[in-house]
């Protein structure tokens, strides 16, 4: 009987590290992790009670809003990244089409269009939750960087396509 229980016990003990919850992260720890990986202009603040870090990656500003926070240190188990790109030469319909096209792709981030006082804007939002996973760090930052890089490339492509279409329209006149 002892020998039959031993393999089960060994498997249970081996699985314990996998079942432990990840350490929640504070906004200061978030800033330090991004700073270690070359992100610039890292400011931290609180907005509507949520810790927020503003940074710059790939020449694009972004906000990282910590969510699911507890305790006096506001240790959190989720982060929502948001970055917006101005598209002043685009109509509302064009920006909606670009956002919808992005959302039909394979990325994890969601794009949406907004109208601001200076014109149209397309934003990208990525939510990461990390309870029960490894400690917040390189993997999560790299995932955001890839999503942001793809988004910026799509915006550059949309601007290039619009410029090319305008050149063709003007040359037809």
C-alpha atoms as a PDB file:
ATOM      1  CA  UNK A   1       0.000   0.000   0.000  1.00  0.00           C
ATOM      2  CA  UNK A   2       2.815   2.382   0.846  1.00  0.00           C
ATOM      3  CA  UNK A   3       4.480   1.861  -2.516  1.00  0.00           C
ATOM      4  CA  UNK A   4       1.293   2.670  -4.459  1.00  0.00           C
ATOM      5  CA  UNK A   5       0.791   5.932  -2.598  1.00  0.00           C
ATOM      6  CA  UNK A   6       4.406   7.031  -3.049  1.00  0.00           C
ATOM      7  CA  UNK A   7       4.261   7.784  -6.836  1.00  0.00           C
ATOM      8  CA  UNK A   8       1.062   9.789  -6.342  1.00  0.00           C
ATOM      9  CA  UNK A   9       2.624  11.671  -3.448  1.00  0.00           C
ATOM     10  CA  UNK A  10       5.748  12.397  -5.502  1.00  0.00           C
ATOM     11  CA  UNK A  11       3.667  13.768  -8.378  1.00  0.00           C
ATOM     12  CA  UNK A  12       1.712  15.974  -5.995  1.00  0.00           C
ATOM     13  CA  UNK A  13       4.883  17.363  -4.402  1.00  0.00           C
ATOM     14  CA  UNK A  14       6.434  17.966  -7.847  1.00  0.00           C
ATOM     15  CA  UNK A  15       3.328  19.900  -8.948  1.00  0.00           C
ATOM     16  CA  UNK A  16       3.294  22.270  -5.954  1.00  0.00           C
ATOM     17  CA  UNK A  17       5.657  24.870  -7.481  1.00  0.00           C
ATOM     18  CA  UNK A  18       3.443  25.009 -10.580  1.00  0.00           C
ATOM     19  CA  UNK A  19       0.309  25.611  -8.516  1.00  0.00           C
ATOM     20  CA  UNK A  20       1.691  28.528  -6.524  1.00  0.00           C
ATOM     21  CA  UNK A  21       0.409  31.959  -7.408  1.00  0.00           C
ATOM     22  CA  UNK A  22       2.681  34.525  -8.979  1.00  0.00           C
ATOM     23  CA  UNK A  23       3.814  37.461  -6.922  1.00  0.00           C
ATOM     24  CA  UNK A  24       1.629  40.498  -7.518  1.00  0.00           C
ATOM     25  CA  UNK A  25       3.546  43.479  -8.900  1.00  0.00           C
ATOM     26  CA  UNK A  26       3.575  47.102  -7.773  1.00  0.00           C
ATOM     27  CA  UNK A  27       3.847  50.059 -10.131  1.00  0.00           C
ATOM     28  CA  UNK A  28       7.428  50.675  -8.954  1.00  0.00           C
ATOM     29  CA  UNK A  29       8.395  47.080  -9.730  1.00  0.00           C
ATOM     30  CA  UNK A  30       6.690  47.389 -13.117  1.00  0.00           C
ATOM     31  CA  UNK A  31       8.693  50.541 -13.871  1.00  0.00           C
ATOM     32  CA  UNK A  32      11.937  48.848 -12.812  1.00  0.00           C
ATOM     33  CA  UNK A  33      11.250  45.805 -15.039  1.00  0.00           C
ATOM     34  CA  UNK A  34      10.623  48.043 -18.062  1.00  0.00           C
ATOM     35  CA  UNK A  35      13.667  50.198 -17.276  1.00  0.00           C
ATOM     36  CA  UNK A  36      15.893  47.089 -17.227  1.00  0.00           C
ATOM     37  CA  UNK A  37      14.781  46.422 -20.783  1.00  0.00           C
ATOM     38  CA  UNK A  38      15.469  49.858 -22.235  1.00  0.00           C
ATOM     39  CA  UNK A  39      12.040  51.491 -22.071  1.00  0.00           C
ATOM     40  CA  UNK A  40      12.314  55.271 -21.729  1.00  0.00           C
ATOM     41  CA  UNK A  41      10.409  58.122 -20.046  1.00  0.00           C
ATOM     42  CA  UNK A  42       9.015  56.021 -17.243  1.00  0.00           C
ATOM     43  CA  UNK A  43       6.625  57.992 -15.052  1.00  0.00           C
ATOM     44  CA  UNK A  44       4.325  56.535 -12.414  1.00  0.00           C
ATOM     45  CA  UNK A  45       1.097  57.987 -11.051  1.00  0.00           C
ATOM     46  CA  UNK A  46      -2.369  57.020  -9.866  1.00  0.00           C
ATOM     47  CA  UNK A  47      -5.391  57.547 -12.095  1.00  0.00           C
ATOM     48  CA  UNK A  48      -8.883  56.821 -10.755  1.00  0.00           C
ATOM     49  CA  UNK A  49      -7.264  54.796  -7.969  1.00  0.00           C
ATOM     50  CA  UNK A  50      -5.257  52.612 -10.371  1.00  0.00           C
ATOM     51  CA  UNK A  51      -1.455  52.683 -10.493  1.00  0.00           C
ATOM     52  CA  UNK A  52      -0.336  53.815 -13.968  1.00  0.00           C
ATOM     53  CA  UNK A  53       3.073  53.802 -15.615  1.00  0.00           C
ATOM     54  CA  UNK A  54       3.708  55.873 -18.738  1.00  0.00           C
ATOM     55  CA  UNK A  55       6.615  54.835 -20.917  1.00  0.00           C
ATOM     56  CA  UNK A  56       8.025  55.010 -24.419  1.00  0.00           C
ATOM     57  CA  UNK A  57       8.845  51.934 -26.459  1.00  0.00           C
ATOM     58  CA  UNK A  58       9.764  51.832 -30.154  1.00  0.00           C
ATOM     59  CA  UNK A  59       9.346  55.624 -30.230  1.00  0.00           C
ATOM     60  CA  UNK A  60       5.697  55.304 -29.164  1.00  0.00           C
ATOM     61  CA  UNK A  61       4.267  56.366 -25.795  1.00  0.00           C
ATOM     62  CA  UNK A  62       2.064  53.958 -23.883  1.00  0.00           C
ATOM     63  CA  UNK A  63       0.321  53.630 -20.548  1.00  0.00           C
ATOM     64  CA  UNK A  64       0.396  50.502 -18.411  1.00  0.00           C
ATOM     65  CA  UNK A  65      -2.529  50.500 -15.983  1.00  0.00           C
ATOM     66  CA  UNK A  66      -2.255  47.986 -13.168  1.00  0.00           C
ATOM     67  CA  UNK A  67      -5.487  46.128 -12.360  1.00  0.00           C
ATOM     68  CA  UNK A  68      -6.731  43.650  -9.762  1.00  0.00           C
ATOM     69  CA  UNK A  69      -4.734  45.377  -7.017  1.00  0.00           C
ATOM     70  CA  UNK A  70      -4.820  44.712  -3.288  1.00  0.00           C
ATOM     71  CA  UNK A  71      -3.167  45.939  -0.133  1.00  0.00           C
ATOM     72  CA  UNK A  72      -1.566  49.200   0.887  1.00  0.00           C
ATOM     73  CA  UNK A  73       1.246  48.785  -1.674  1.00  0.00           C
ATOM     74  CA  UNK A  74      -1.320  48.237  -4.471  1.00  0.00           C
ATOM     75  CA  UNK A  75       0.214  44.900  -5.524  1.00  0.00           C
ATOM     76  CA  UNK A  76      -1.551  43.856  -8.728  1.00  0.00           C
ATOM     77  CA  UNK A  77      -2.147  40.708 -10.761  1.00  0.00           C
ATOM     78  CA  UNK A  78      -3.014  42.268 -14.126  1.00  0.00           C
ATOM     79  CA  UNK A  79      -1.809  45.043 -16.375  1.00  0.00           C
ATOM     80  CA  UNK A  80      -3.567  46.761 -19.285  1.00  0.00           C
ATOM     81  CA  UNK A  81      -1.382  48.453 -21.879  1.00  0.00           C
ATOM     82  CA  UNK A  82      -2.769  51.200 -24.107  1.00  0.00           C
ATOM     83  CA  UNK A  83      -1.058  53.113 -26.887  1.00  0.00           C
ATOM     84  CA  UNK A  84      -2.670  55.460 -29.421  1.00  0.00           C
ATOM     85  CA  UNK A  85      -1.534  56.754 -32.778  1.00  0.00           C
ATOM     86  CA  UNK A  86      -2.819  59.943 -34.359  1.00  0.00           C
ATOM     87  CA  UNK A  87      -4.227  59.476 -37.860  1.00  0.00           C
ATOM     88  CA  UNK A  88      -5.199  63.056 -38.762  1.00  0.00           C
ATOM     89  CA  UNK A  89      -5.565  62.463 -42.520  1.00  0.00           C
ATOM     90  CA  UNK A  90      -8.043  59.628 -42.036  1.00  0.00           C
ATOM     91  CA  UNK A  91     -11.814  59.773 -41.774  1.00  0.00           C
ATOM     92  CA  UNK A  92     -13.770  58.144 -38.972  1.00  0.00           C
ATOM     93  CA  UNK A  93     -14.821  55.314 -41.306  1.00  0.00           C
ATOM     94  CA  UNK A  94     -11.220  54.724 -42.438  1.00  0.00           C
ATOM     95  CA  UNK A  95      -9.925  54.473 -38.865  1.00  0.00           C
ATOM     96  CA  UNK A  96     -12.742  52.075 -37.946  1.00  0.00           C
ATOM     97  CA  UNK A  97     -11.844  49.902 -40.946  1.00  0.00           C
ATOM     98  CA  UNK A  98      -8.168  49.845 -39.925  1.00  0.00           C
ATOM     99  CA  UNK A  99      -9.073  48.899 -36.344  1.00  0.00           C
ATOM    100  CA  UNK A 100     -11.452  46.178 -37.554  1.00  0.00           C
ATOM    101  CA  UNK A 101      -8.806  44.784 -39.887  1.00  0.00           C
ATOM    102  CA  UNK A 102      -6.334  44.634 -37.010  1.00  0.00           C
ATOM    103  CA  UNK A 103      -8.883  42.825 -34.843  1.00  0.00           C
ATOM    104  CA  UNK A 104      -9.413  40.103 -37.448  1.00  0.00           C
ATOM    105  CA  UNK A 105      -5.707  39.220 -37.267  1.00  0.00           C
ATOM    106  CA  UNK A 106      -3.953  36.825 -34.944  1.00  0.00           C
ATOM    107  CA  UNK A 107      -2.703  39.280 -32.328  1.00  0.00           C
ATOM    108  CA  UNK A 108      -3.805  39.287 -28.707  1.00  0.00           C
ATOM    109  CA  UNK A 109      -4.290  43.059 -28.559  1.00  0.00           C
ATOM    110  CA  UNK A 110      -7.490  44.862 -29.524  1.00  0.00           C
ATOM    111  CA  UNK A 111      -7.539  47.994 -31.676  1.00  0.00           C
ATOM    112  CA  UNK A 112     -10.194  50.694 -31.530  1.00  0.00           C
ATOM    113  CA  UNK A 113     -10.753  54.085 -33.135  1.00  0.00           C
ATOM    114  CA  UNK A 114     -11.477  57.335 -31.326  1.00  0.00           C
ATOM    115  CA  UNK A 115     -12.114  60.886 -32.377  1.00  0.00           C
ATOM    116  CA  UNK A 116     -10.034  63.464 -30.522  1.00  0.00           C
ATOM    117  CA  UNK A 117      -9.960  67.232 -30.826  1.00  0.00           C
ATOM    118  CA  UNK A 118      -7.004  66.987 -33.247  1.00  0.00           C
ATOM    119  CA  UNK A 119      -8.559  64.280 -35.435  1.00  0.00           C
ATOM    120  CA  UNK A 120      -8.796  60.529 -35.617  1.00  0.00           C
ATOM    121  CA  UNK A 121      -6.829  58.213 -33.363  1.00  0.00           C
ATOM    122  CA  UNK A 122      -6.355  54.461 -33.420  1.00  0.00           C
ATOM    123  CA  UNK A 123      -5.468  52.795 -30.138  1.00  0.00           C
ATOM    124  CA  UNK A 124      -4.299  49.348 -29.176  1.00  0.00           C
ATOM    125  CA  UNK A 125      -5.055  47.682 -25.851  1.00  0.00           C
ATOM    126  CA  UNK A 126      -3.548  44.505 -24.398  1.00  0.00           C
ATOM    127  CA  UNK A 127      -4.661  42.990 -21.108  1.00  0.00           C
ATOM    128  CA  UNK A 128      -2.277  40.607 -19.340  1.00  0.00           C
ATOM    129  CA  UNK A 129      -3.236  38.657 -16.255  1.00  0.00           C
ATOM    130  CA  UNK A 130      -0.616  36.699 -14.390  1.00  0.00           C
ATOM    131  CA  UNK A 131      -2.032  34.928 -11.361  1.00  0.00           C
ATOM    132  CA  UNK A 132      -0.649  31.401 -11.205  1.00  0.00           C
ATOM    133  CA  UNK A 133       1.968  32.104 -13.882  1.00  0.00           C
ATOM    134  CA  UNK A 134       5.604  33.036 -13.547  1.00  0.00           C
ATOM    135  CA  UNK A 135       6.624  36.323 -12.001  1.00  0.00           C
ATOM    136  CA  UNK A 136       6.008  39.394 -14.180  1.00  0.00           C
ATOM    137  CA  UNK A 137       9.043  40.154 -16.305  1.00  0.00           C
ATOM    138  CA  UNK A 138      10.626  39.637 -19.703  1.00  0.00           C
ATOM    139  CA  UNK A 139       7.891  37.412 -21.185  1.00  0.00           C
ATOM    140  CA  UNK A 140       5.107  39.913 -20.516  1.00  0.00           C
ATOM    141  CA  UNK A 141       7.176  42.889 -21.678  1.00  0.00           C
ATOM    142  CA  UNK A 142       8.203  41.072 -24.848  1.00  0.00           C
ATOM    143  CA  UNK A 143       4.580  40.166 -25.600  1.00  0.00           C
ATOM    144  CA  UNK A 144       3.609  43.857 -25.325  1.00  0.00           C
ATOM    145  CA  UNK A 145       6.575  44.893 -27.481  1.00  0.00           C
ATOM    146  CA  UNK A 146       5.578  42.447 -30.255  1.00  0.00           C
ATOM    147  CA  UNK A 147       1.943  43.610 -30.187  1.00  0.00           C
ATOM    148  CA  UNK A 148       3.014  47.265 -30.259  1.00  0.00           C
ATOM    149  CA  UNK A 149       5.499  46.647 -33.069  1.00  0.00           C
ATOM    150  CA  UNK A 150       2.848  44.907 -35.203  1.00  0.00           C
ATOM    151  CA  UNK A 151       0.370  47.709 -34.506  1.00  0.00           C
ATOM    152  CA  UNK A 152       2.847  50.428 -35.488  1.00  0.00           C
ATOM    153  CA  UNK A 153       3.700  48.569 -38.692  1.00  0.00           C
ATOM    154  CA  UNK A 154       0.010  48.315 -39.560  1.00  0.00           C
ATOM    155  CA  UNK A 155      -0.425  52.065 -38.995  1.00  0.00           C
ATOM    156  CA  UNK A 156       2.620  52.832 -41.167  1.00  0.00           C
ATOM    157  CA  UNK A 157       1.240  50.549 -43.894  1.00  0.00           C
ATOM    158  CA  UNK A 158      -2.171  52.248 -43.717  1.00  0.00           C
ATOM    159  CA  UNK A 159      -0.560  55.686 -44.080  1.00  0.00           C
ATOM    160  CA  UNK A 160       1.575  54.483 -47.017  1.00  0.00           C
ATOM    161  CA  UNK A 161      -1.468  52.934 -48.721  1.00  0.00           C
ATOM    162  CA  UNK A 162      -3.466  56.147 -48.284  1.00  0.00           C
ATOM    163  CA  UNK A 163      -0.616  58.261 -49.672  1.00  0.00           C
ATOM    164  CA  UNK A 164      -0.262  55.944 -52.672  1.00  0.00           C
ATOM    165  CA  UNK A 165      -4.004  56.076 -53.324  1.00  0.00           C
ATOM    166  CA  UNK A 166      -3.947  59.883 -53.160  1.00  0.00           C
ATOM    167  CA  UNK A 167      -1.022  60.051 -55.591  1.00  0.00           C
ATOM    168  CA  UNK A 168      -2.857  57.749 -58.011  1.00  0.00           C
ATOM    169  CA  UNK A 169      -6.053  59.798 -57.698  1.00  0.00           C
ATOM    170  CA  UNK A 170      -4.180  63.053 -58.335  1.00  0.00           C
ATOM    171  CA  UNK A 171      -2.284  61.643 -61.326  1.00  0.00           C
ATOM    172  CA  UNK A 172      -5.556  60.510 -62.927  1.00  0.00           C
ATOM    173  CA  UNK A 173      -6.814  64.122 -63.032  1.00  0.00           C
END
